[in-house]
């Protein structure tokens, strides 16, 4: 079987990681030289997380000697907390959460990429009869985001700046994605930063109207989420991480190239209607863990005051070492 050049590079890098390790690494003891074979992985039931259920369903983890148990989580911040508490081995986390955690001393390491933004995946929407016609009309308004001081708020702030609106002139309110359409209809908020499948269903049911795509300009194709571990876990389990990376690379390649199978997978773990999943906008599924691309996130965070200063993204990634 032949793999695309990008995927081959990832697999080669993962193999290199499995062949090395510092003097402080745990001695390999499991099958295939793995330090740990049973993994609890935190998964958010959205399309961004598709690689793990794909790797479970297609036997990619099993082929690497891994037994993965998927654990539902509400978001990246919760996943990071469970990592530190030891109830998860690996978790899905958005990059903003990961860099915020690292600045506060919680050393999260990203071992694989998960998803990047695409046009019309994270728009600002209003009700169909709202007087708000553009971003300029948001001054003094309430905007729903799924988590305060996180990726959604950052994307909106960047969009406000692009349209000469000061972030201090709006009020952010925290709502879960499933509740946003209802909050708009009730007038609890004036606009919402929403994503799929709630975007498509909200348009169909309530006529939600987009006033801006928050993933343009500085945020176009922004890296959104990856798979993280604690720094301690990364040091103690290099061969296990390499095996996880190889399986994820195969799953990301399938997600990026086979929409019908991806749809079927998402329908299963995210509980999205099979007809709806066929028409929703999906994220990009990067195959490589590219430091230069991910560097855009801490740079953007520092620009808008979410970090005291930017940080080297490479230090947050579990990359190969000799």
Protein backbone atom coordinates (compact mmCIF):
# COMPACT_ATOMS: atom_id res chain seq x y z
CA UNK A 1 0.00 0.00 0.00
CA UNK A 2 1.40 3.42 -0.96
CA UNK A 3 0.82 6.51 1.17
CA UNK A 4 0.93 10.17 0.06
CA UNK A 5 4.26 11.88 0.68
CA UNK A 6 2.94 13.91 3.67
CA UNK A 7 1.59 10.81 5.37
CA UNK A 8 4.80 8.89 4.73
CA UNK A 9 6.76 11.69 6.43
CA UNK A 10 4.53 11.49 9.50
CA UNK A 11 4.87 7.73 9.74
CA UNK A 12 8.63 7.99 9.37
CA UNK A 13 8.79 10.63 12.11
CA UNK A 14 6.69 8.50 14.42
CA UNK A 15 8.95 5.53 13.79
CA UNK A 16 11.95 7.69 14.62
CA UNK A 17 10.30 8.71 17.89
CA UNK A 18 9.67 5.08 18.80
CA UNK A 19 13.31 4.25 18.16
CA UNK A 20 14.68 6.86 20.53
CA UNK A 21 14.13 8.15 24.00
CA UNK A 22 16.11 9.78 26.77
CA UNK A 23 17.79 8.04 29.66
CA UNK A 24 14.82 8.94 31.85
CA UNK A 25 12.33 7.04 29.67
CA UNK A 26 10.49 4.07 31.14
CA UNK A 27 11.70 0.73 29.91
CA UNK A 28 9.49 -0.79 27.24
CA UNK A 29 7.55 -3.76 28.58
CA UNK A 30 4.35 -4.22 26.57
CA UNK A 31 3.66 -5.74 23.15
CA UNK A 32 5.56 -4.07 20.29
CA UNK A 33 7.76 -2.35 22.88
CA UNK A 34 4.94 -0.19 24.21
CA UNK A 35 5.18 1.22 27.72
CA UNK A 36 1.38 1.37 28.03
CA UNK A 37 -1.17 -0.42 25.88
CA UNK A 38 -4.52 0.55 27.47
CA UNK A 39 -5.34 4.22 26.86
CA UNK A 40 -8.25 6.39 27.98
CA UNK A 41 -8.74 9.11 25.39
CA UNK A 42 -10.96 12.15 25.94
CA UNK A 43 -13.13 12.86 22.92
CA UNK A 44 -15.48 15.78 22.22
CA UNK A 45 -18.52 14.63 20.20
CA UNK A 46 -17.90 16.94 17.23
CA UNK A 47 -16.45 16.41 13.75
CA UNK A 48 -13.00 17.68 14.81
CA UNK A 49 -12.45 14.49 16.82
CA UNK A 50 -13.07 12.05 13.97
CA UNK A 51 -9.58 10.54 13.83
CA UNK A 52 -9.81 8.60 17.10
CA UNK A 53 -13.13 6.83 16.37
CA UNK A 54 -11.89 6.14 12.84
CA UNK A 55 -8.71 4.58 14.23
CA UNK A 56 -10.81 2.50 16.64
CA UNK A 57 -13.28 1.36 13.98
CA UNK A 58 -10.67 0.61 11.32
CA UNK A 59 -8.37 -1.26 13.69
CA UNK A 60 -5.47 1.17 13.34
CA UNK A 61 -4.92 1.29 17.10
CA UNK A 62 -5.24 -2.46 17.44
CA UNK A 63 -2.61 -2.96 14.73
CA UNK A 64 -0.24 -0.85 16.84
CA UNK A 65 -0.93 -2.89 19.98
CA UNK A 66 -3.11 -0.20 21.55
CA UNK A 67 -6.46 -0.67 23.26
CA UNK A 68 -8.20 2.72 23.20
CA UNK A 69 -11.25 3.53 25.30
CA UNK A 70 -13.01 6.74 24.25
CA UNK A 71 -14.21 8.96 27.11
CA UNK A 72 -16.72 11.74 26.27
CA UNK A 73 -15.69 15.22 27.47
CA UNK A 74 -17.38 18.63 27.20
CA UNK A 75 -14.40 20.59 25.95
CA UNK A 76 -10.65 21.00 25.78
CA UNK A 77 -10.30 22.75 29.14
CA UNK A 78 -12.13 19.89 30.89
CA UNK A 79 -9.96 17.38 29.06
CA UNK A 80 -6.80 19.14 30.23
CA UNK A 81 -8.03 19.05 33.83
CA UNK A 82 -8.70 15.32 33.58
CA UNK A 83 -5.24 14.77 32.09
CA UNK A 84 -3.63 16.41 35.08
CA UNK A 85 -5.87 14.46 37.46
CA UNK A 86 -4.80 11.21 35.79
CA UNK A 87 -8.26 10.05 34.67
CA UNK A 88 -7.27 10.44 30.99
CA UNK A 89 -4.07 9.47 29.21
CA UNK A 90 -4.70 11.53 26.05
CA UNK A 91 -7.34 14.14 25.31
CA UNK A 92 -8.62 16.29 22.54
CA UNK A 93 -7.82 19.92 23.31
CA UNK A 94 -8.14 23.13 21.36
CA UNK A 95 -4.83 24.90 20.90
CA UNK A 96 -5.92 28.02 22.75
CA UNK A 97 -6.71 25.94 25.84
CA UNK A 98 -3.37 24.18 25.57
CA UNK A 99 -1.32 27.38 25.35
CA UNK A 100 -3.31 29.03 28.14
CA UNK A 101 -2.68 25.98 30.33
CA UNK A 102 1.04 26.01 29.54
CA UNK A 103 1.38 29.68 30.46
CA UNK A 104 -0.19 28.85 33.84
CA UNK A 105 2.30 26.01 34.40
CA UNK A 106 0.20 23.03 33.23
CA UNK A 107 2.58 21.40 30.81
CA UNK A 108 0.38 19.96 28.07
CA UNK A 109 2.16 18.38 25.09
CA UNK A 110 0.44 18.02 21.71
CA UNK A 111 1.15 14.63 20.11
CA UNK A 112 -1.03 14.87 16.99
CA UNK A 113 -3.05 17.42 15.05
CA UNK A 114 -6.83 17.06 14.87
CA UNK A 115 -8.57 19.85 12.96
CA UNK A 116 -8.18 23.23 11.34
CA UNK A 117 -10.78 25.84 10.46
CA UNK A 118 -12.50 26.08 7.10
CA UNK A 119 -14.68 28.86 5.59
CA UNK A 120 -18.20 29.01 7.04
CA UNK A 121 -17.34 26.60 9.85
CA UNK A 122 -17.34 29.19 12.68
CA UNK A 123 -19.49 32.16 11.62
CA UNK A 124 -21.13 34.86 13.67
CA UNK A 125 -24.89 34.47 13.26
CA UNK A 126 -28.02 36.38 14.22
CA UNK A 127 -31.74 35.69 13.94
CA UNK A 128 -33.31 36.16 10.51
CA UNK A 129 -35.20 39.29 11.63
CA UNK A 130 -32.35 40.82 13.65
CA UNK A 131 -31.59 44.49 12.98
CA UNK A 132 -27.89 43.58 13.06
CA UNK A 133 -26.60 43.61 9.48
CA UNK A 134 -22.83 43.72 9.94
CA UNK A 135 -20.06 43.41 12.51
CA UNK A 136 -20.17 47.19 12.99
CA UNK A 137 -23.68 46.79 14.41
CA UNK A 138 -22.38 44.60 17.27
CA UNK A 139 -21.28 47.54 19.42
CA UNK A 140 -22.98 47.23 22.80
CA UNK A 141 -24.35 43.77 21.96
CA UNK A 142 -24.15 40.36 23.67
CA UNK A 143 -22.29 37.63 21.78
CA UNK A 144 -22.51 33.95 22.69
CA UNK A 145 -19.33 31.85 22.67
CA UNK A 146 -18.98 28.29 23.90
CA UNK A 147 -16.17 29.14 26.35
CA UNK A 148 -15.02 32.51 27.62
CA UNK A 149 -11.39 33.56 27.03
CA UNK A 150 -10.87 30.75 24.55
CA UNK A 151 -10.70 30.05 20.83
CA UNK A 152 -14.23 31.28 20.06
CA UNK A 153 -13.77 34.58 21.82
CA UNK A 154 -10.34 35.00 20.23
CA UNK A 155 -11.77 34.42 16.75
CA UNK A 156 -14.55 36.94 17.36
CA UNK A 157 -12.14 39.54 18.76
CA UNK A 158 -9.98 39.15 15.66
CA UNK A 159 -13.06 39.66 13.47
CA UNK A 160 -14.11 42.73 15.47
CA UNK A 161 -10.64 44.22 15.04
CA UNK A 162 -10.80 43.58 11.29
CA UNK A 163 -14.01 45.61 11.22
CA UNK A 164 -12.76 48.45 13.46
CA UNK A 165 -14.88 47.42 16.47
CA UNK A 166 -13.24 47.45 19.91
CA UNK A 167 -13.71 44.20 21.82
CA UNK A 168 -14.43 46.30 24.91
CA UNK A 169 -17.62 47.47 23.21
CA UNK A 170 -19.23 44.00 23.18
CA UNK A 171 -20.19 41.59 25.96
CA UNK A 172 -19.33 37.90 25.68
CA UNK A 173 -21.69 35.34 27.21
CA UNK A 174 -20.98 31.65 27.63
CA UNK A 175 -23.41 29.15 26.07
CA UNK A 176 -22.98 25.57 24.89
CA UNK A 177 -23.28 25.18 21.13
CA UNK A 178 -26.58 23.24 21.41
CA UNK A 179 -28.18 26.12 23.36
CA UNK A 180 -27.06 29.00 21.14
CA UNK A 181 -29.91 28.97 18.62
CA UNK A 182 -32.44 28.99 21.45
CA UNK A 183 -30.64 31.83 23.21
CA UNK A 184 -30.78 33.87 20.02
CA UNK A 185 -34.49 33.18 19.55
CA UNK A 186 -35.25 34.22 23.13
CA UNK A 187 -33.19 37.40 22.83
CA UNK A 188 -30.78 36.36 25.57
CA UNK A 189 -27.94 37.17 23.18
CA UNK A 190 -27.76 39.26 20.02
CA UNK A 191 -25.28 37.16 18.05
CA UNK A 192 -23.56 33.79 18.41
CA UNK A 193 -20.28 32.18 17.39
CA UNK A 194 -21.58 28.82 16.29
CA UNK A 195 -20.35 25.69 14.52
CA UNK A 196 -21.65 22.48 13.02
CA UNK A 197 -24.00 20.67 13.17
CA UNK A 198 -25.81 23.41 15.10
CA UNK A 199 -25.10 25.95 12.36
CA UNK A 200 -26.83 24.01 9.59
CA UNK A 201 -29.72 22.88 11.80
CA UNK A 202 -30.18 26.44 13.11
CA UNK A 203 -30.33 27.82 9.61
CA UNK A 204 -32.92 25.24 8.60
CA UNK A 205 -35.08 25.54 11.72
CA UNK A 206 -34.76 29.21 12.65
CA UNK A 207 -33.35 30.90 9.56
CA UNK A 208 -30.15 31.95 11.33
CA UNK A 209 -28.28 34.52 9.26
CA UNK A 210 -24.50 34.92 9.00
CA UNK A 211 -23.04 38.40 9.42
CA UNK A 212 -19.36 37.39 9.35
CA UNK A 213 -17.09 34.39 8.91
CA UNK A 214 -14.65 34.52 11.83
CA UNK A 215 -12.13 32.30 10.05
CA UNK A 216 -10.79 34.77 7.51
CA UNK A 217 -7.72 36.98 7.37
CA UNK A 218 -5.51 36.29 10.41
CA UNK A 219 -7.65 33.28 11.34
CA UNK A 220 -8.03 31.66 7.89
CA UNK A 221 -7.37 27.90 8.20
CA UNK A 222 -6.48 28.46 11.85
CA UNK A 223 -5.28 25.33 13.68
CA UNK A 224 -8.14 24.51 16.04
CA UNK A 225 -7.50 21.30 17.96
CA UNK A 226 -5.03 18.53 18.62
CA UNK A 227 -4.47 15.49 20.84
CA UNK A 228 -2.64 16.26 24.07
CA UNK A 229 -0.85 14.48 26.91
CA UNK A 230 0.97 15.64 30.01
CA UNK A 231 4.68 16.32 29.69
CA UNK A 232 5.30 13.51 32.19
CA UNK A 233 3.33 11.03 30.09
CA UNK A 234 5.23 12.11 26.96
CA UNK A 235 8.58 11.47 28.66
CA UNK A 236 7.57 8.14 30.16
CA UNK A 237 5.77 6.67 27.14
CA UNK A 238 7.59 7.60 23.90
CA UNK A 239 6.89 4.30 22.14
CA UNK A 240 3.22 4.40 23.07
CA UNK A 241 2.93 7.95 21.75
CA UNK A 242 4.68 6.97 18.51
CA UNK A 243 2.17 4.14 18.05
CA UNK A 244 -0.72 6.55 18.71
CA UNK A 245 0.74 8.99 16.18
CA UNK A 246 1.02 6.34 13.47
CA UNK A 247 -2.61 5.29 13.95
CA UNK A 248 -3.84 8.89 13.99
CA UNK A 249 -1.90 9.72 10.81
CA UNK A 250 -3.73 6.93 8.96
CA UNK A 251 -7.07 8.04 10.39
CA UNK A 252 -6.49 11.69 9.45
CA UNK A 253 -5.67 10.63 5.90
CA UNK A 254 -8.95 8.73 5.67
CA UNK A 255 -10.91 11.64 7.18
CA UNK A 256 -9.39 14.03 4.66
CA UNK A 257 -10.05 11.82 1.63
CA UNK A 258 -13.18 9.73 2.23
CA UNK A 259 -16.24 11.88 3.04
CA UNK A 260 -18.80 9.00 2.98
CA UNK A 261 -16.87 6.96 5.53
CA UNK A 262 -16.16 10.08 7.57
CA UNK A 263 -19.88 10.88 7.59
CA UNK A 264 -20.71 7.40 8.85
CA UNK A 265 -18.13 7.68 11.63
CA UNK A 266 -19.33 11.11 12.77
CA UNK A 267 -22.95 9.93 12.80
CA UNK A 268 -21.96 7.14 15.18
CA UNK A 269 -19.95 8.92 17.87
CA UNK A 270 -21.33 12.46 17.60
CA UNK A 271 -24.97 11.35 17.30
CA UNK A 272 -25.65 13.63 14.32
CA UNK A 273 -28.57 12.89 12.01
CA UNK A 274 -27.27 10.93 8.98
CA UNK A 275 -28.97 13.30 6.53
CA UNK A 276 -27.64 16.38 8.29
CA UNK A 277 -24.06 15.12 8.42
CA UNK A 278 -24.02 14.89 4.62
CA UNK A 279 -24.42 18.65 4.20
CA UNK A 280 -22.60 20.21 7.16
CA UNK A 281 -19.30 22.02 6.72
CA UNK A 282 -16.42 19.95 8.05
CA UNK A 283 -13.00 21.05 9.32
CA UNK A 284 -9.72 20.30 7.64
CA UNK A 285 -7.85 17.23 8.91
CA UNK A 286 -4.09 17.97 8.84
CA UNK A 287 -1.81 14.95 8.62
CA UNK A 288 1.37 16.56 9.93
CA UNK A 289 2.06 18.26 13.27
CA UNK A 290 3.61 21.39 11.79
CA UNK A 291 5.20 23.80 14.32
CA UNK A 292 5.25 26.73 11.88
CA UNK A 293 1.52 26.41 11.21
CA UNK A 294 0.58 25.99 14.87
CA UNK A 295 2.78 28.98 15.78
CA UNK A 296 -0.02 31.15 14.42
CA UNK A 297 -2.11 30.36 17.50
CA UNK A 298 0.16 31.68 20.30
CA UNK A 299 1.12 34.62 18.08
CA UNK A 300 -2.55 35.55 17.67
CA UNK A 301 -3.21 35.00 21.38
CA UNK A 302 -0.35 37.33 22.33
CA UNK A 303 -1.53 39.95 19.83
CA UNK A 304 -4.93 40.17 21.52
CA UNK A 305 -3.76 39.79 25.11
CA UNK A 306 -4.72 36.16 25.75
CA UNK A 307 -1.07 35.39 26.50
CA UNK A 308 1.40 37.75 28.17
CA UNK A 309 3.74 37.07 25.28
CA UNK A 310 3.92 34.60 22.42
CA UNK A 311 5.69 31.31 22.97
CA UNK A 312 7.55 28.88 20.74
CA UNK A 313 4.89 26.44 19.54
CA UNK A 314 7.52 23.77 18.98
CA UNK A 315 8.06 23.52 22.75
CA UNK A 316 4.44 22.42 23.13
CA UNK A 317 4.69 19.64 20.57
CA UNK A 318 5.83 16.07 21.14
CA UNK A 319 8.22 16.00 18.18
CA UNK A 320 10.99 13.55 17.46
CA UNK A 321 14.34 13.70 19.17
CA UNK A 322 17.47 11.67 18.48
